[in-house]
Amino acid sequence: MSAVEGFARLEFLIETDALEQTLGDPALRIFDCTTNLIPDPKTTYQAVPARADFEKGHIPGAQFIDLQADLSDNQHRFRFMLPSAEQVISNIARAYMEMLFVASTRCLMMIWQVGPPLRPPSKTV
């Protein structure tokens, strides 16, 4: 099985050499949503945003988005549940999302759910 088998929306994936050639594109948005799951005997694990790792080094122009705070339904009793399309659009728009971007598998799943193109809402949310 290849690395891309099973992905329904291959247009959201990019090879590293193509990404490198696209880094100067002002429409490109790259979001790092890395979250570390730290074992915790009381709650099974703690979800800790990996912002510190991001700050140590990242792809030029990338932005960090907190997976649990910004891209999960925090009203749900379980962690990391898919938020509504409106929440996804609002939170990504808040991070200046416009057209083309590269994201983690989680972001890909949410974009697949919402469907392209994502445009910032016309009203301020």
Protein backbone atom coordinates (compact mmCIF):
# COMPACT_ATOMS: atom_id res chain seq x y z
CA MET A 1 0.00 0.00 0.00
CA SER A 2 1.41 3.39 -0.98
CA ALA A 3 1.50 6.36 1.38
CA VAL A 4 -1.38 8.07 -0.43
CA GLU A 5 -3.76 5.13 -0.87
CA GLY A 6 -7.00 5.72 0.97
CA PHE A 7 -6.86 9.53 0.71
CA ALA A 8 -10.06 10.67 -0.98
CA ARG A 9 -8.84 14.22 -1.64
CA LEU A 10 -5.31 13.96 -3.03
CA GLU A 11 -5.45 17.59 -4.21
CA PHE A 12 -4.78 18.59 -0.58
CA LEU A 13 -1.44 16.75 -0.51
CA ILE A 14 1.85 18.14 -1.81
CA GLU A 15 5.27 16.58 -2.28
CA THR A 16 8.12 18.17 -0.31
CA ASP A 17 9.98 19.33 -3.44
CA ALA A 18 6.79 20.98 -4.78
CA LEU A 19 6.26 22.63 -1.39
CA GLU A 20 9.79 24.00 -1.45
CA GLN A 21 9.16 25.55 -4.87
CA THR A 22 5.88 27.07 -3.63
CA LEU A 23 7.17 28.62 -0.39
CA GLY A 24 7.28 32.14 -1.83
CA ASP A 25 3.64 32.03 -2.98
CA PRO A 26 1.70 34.66 -0.98
CA ALA A 27 -1.47 32.53 -1.22
CA LEU A 28 0.18 29.52 0.45
CA ARG A 29 -0.77 28.82 4.06
CA ILE A 30 0.95 26.13 6.09
CA PHE A 31 -0.46 25.19 9.47
CA ASP A 32 1.23 23.00 12.08
CA CYS A 33 -1.31 21.39 14.41
CA THR A 34 1.06 19.06 16.25
CA THR A 35 -0.17 17.95 19.68
CA ASN A 36 1.81 15.85 22.15
CA LEU A 37 -0.14 13.30 24.18
CA ILE A 38 1.56 13.12 27.58
CA PRO A 39 0.61 10.11 29.77
CA ASP A 40 -1.37 11.09 32.85
CA PRO A 41 -2.64 8.44 35.29
CA LYS A 42 -5.62 10.61 36.32
CA THR A 43 -6.94 11.45 32.85
CA THR A 44 -5.16 8.85 30.65
CA TYR A 45 -3.23 11.62 28.87
CA GLN A 46 -2.84 15.38 28.62
CA ALA A 47 -3.10 16.99 25.20
CA VAL A 48 -0.26 19.52 25.07
CA PRO A 49 0.07 21.80 22.03
CA ALA A 50 3.56 21.48 20.52
CA ARG A 51 3.94 25.23 20.10
CA ALA A 52 7.33 25.16 21.87
CA ASP A 53 8.65 22.69 19.28
CA PHE A 54 7.17 24.83 16.51
CA GLU A 55 8.91 27.93 17.90
CA LYS A 56 12.26 26.06 17.86
CA GLY A 57 11.96 25.53 14.12
CA HIS A 58 9.36 25.20 11.40
CA ILE A 59 8.79 25.53 7.67
CA PRO A 60 9.29 29.19 6.69
CA GLY A 61 5.96 31.04 6.75
CA ALA A 62 4.14 28.31 8.68
CA GLN A 63 1.71 29.20 11.44
CA PHE A 64 0.75 27.19 14.50
CA ILE A 65 -2.88 26.32 15.25
CA ASP A 66 -3.81 24.65 18.53
CA LEU A 67 -5.59 21.43 17.55
CA GLN A 68 -7.58 21.08 20.78
CA ALA A 69 -8.38 24.76 21.34
CA ASP A 70 -9.05 25.84 17.75
CA LEU A 71 -9.85 22.74 15.68
CA SER A 72 -11.86 20.55 18.04
CA ASP A 73 -15.37 20.74 19.46
CA ASN A 74 -14.59 21.74 23.05
CA GLN A 75 -18.23 21.41 24.08
CA HIS A 76 -18.15 17.66 23.42
CA ARG A 77 -17.41 15.30 26.32
CA PHE A 78 -14.64 13.59 24.30
CA ARG A 79 -11.44 15.28 23.19
CA PHE A 80 -10.53 16.00 19.56
CA MET A 81 -14.07 15.71 18.24
CA LEU A 82 -14.73 17.29 14.86
CA PRO A 83 -16.20 20.78 15.26
CA SER A 84 -18.94 22.24 13.10
CA ALA A 85 -18.05 23.57 9.66
CA GLU A 86 -18.72 27.09 10.95
CA GLN A 87 -16.21 26.63 13.78
CA VAL A 88 -13.56 25.30 11.41
CA ILE A 89 -14.04 28.14 8.93
CA SER A 90 -14.09 30.78 11.65
CA ASN A 91 -10.96 29.49 13.40
CA ILE A 92 -8.96 28.97 10.21
CA ALA A 93 -10.11 32.34 8.83
CA ARG A 94 -8.93 33.89 12.08
CA ALA A 95 -5.51 32.45 11.28
CA TYR A 96 -5.65 34.19 7.86
CA MET A 97 -6.51 31.12 5.78
CA GLU A 98 -7.44 31.96 2.19
CA MET A 99 -6.79 29.49 -0.65
CA LEU A 100 -3.87 27.08 -0.91
CA PHE A 101 -2.35 25.42 2.12
CA VAL A 102 -0.61 22.35 3.41
CA ALA A 103 -1.69 20.88 6.72
CA SER A 104 -1.52 17.89 8.99
CA THR A 105 -3.71 14.84 8.46
CA ARG A 106 -6.18 16.26 10.99
CA CYS A 107 -6.56 19.46 9.03
CA LEU A 108 -6.98 17.45 5.84
CA MET A 109 -9.82 15.49 7.42
CA MET A 110 -11.60 18.65 8.50
CA ILE A 111 -11.16 20.34 5.14
CA TRP A 112 -12.56 17.23 3.48
CA GLN A 113 -15.61 17.49 5.79
CA VAL A 114 -16.12 21.22 5.14
CA GLY A 115 -15.15 21.10 1.47
CA PRO A 116 -13.07 23.63 -0.49
CA PRO A 117 -12.73 26.46 -1.03
CA LEU A 118 -12.57 27.91 2.44
CA ARG A 119 -13.07 31.61 2.46
CA PRO A 120 -13.15 33.86 5.52
CA PRO A 121 -16.72 34.57 6.59
CA SER A 122 -18.20 37.78 5.22
CA LYS A 123 -19.19 38.85 8.73
CA THR A 124 -16.79 39.24 11.62
CA VAL A 125 -17.31 36.28 13.93
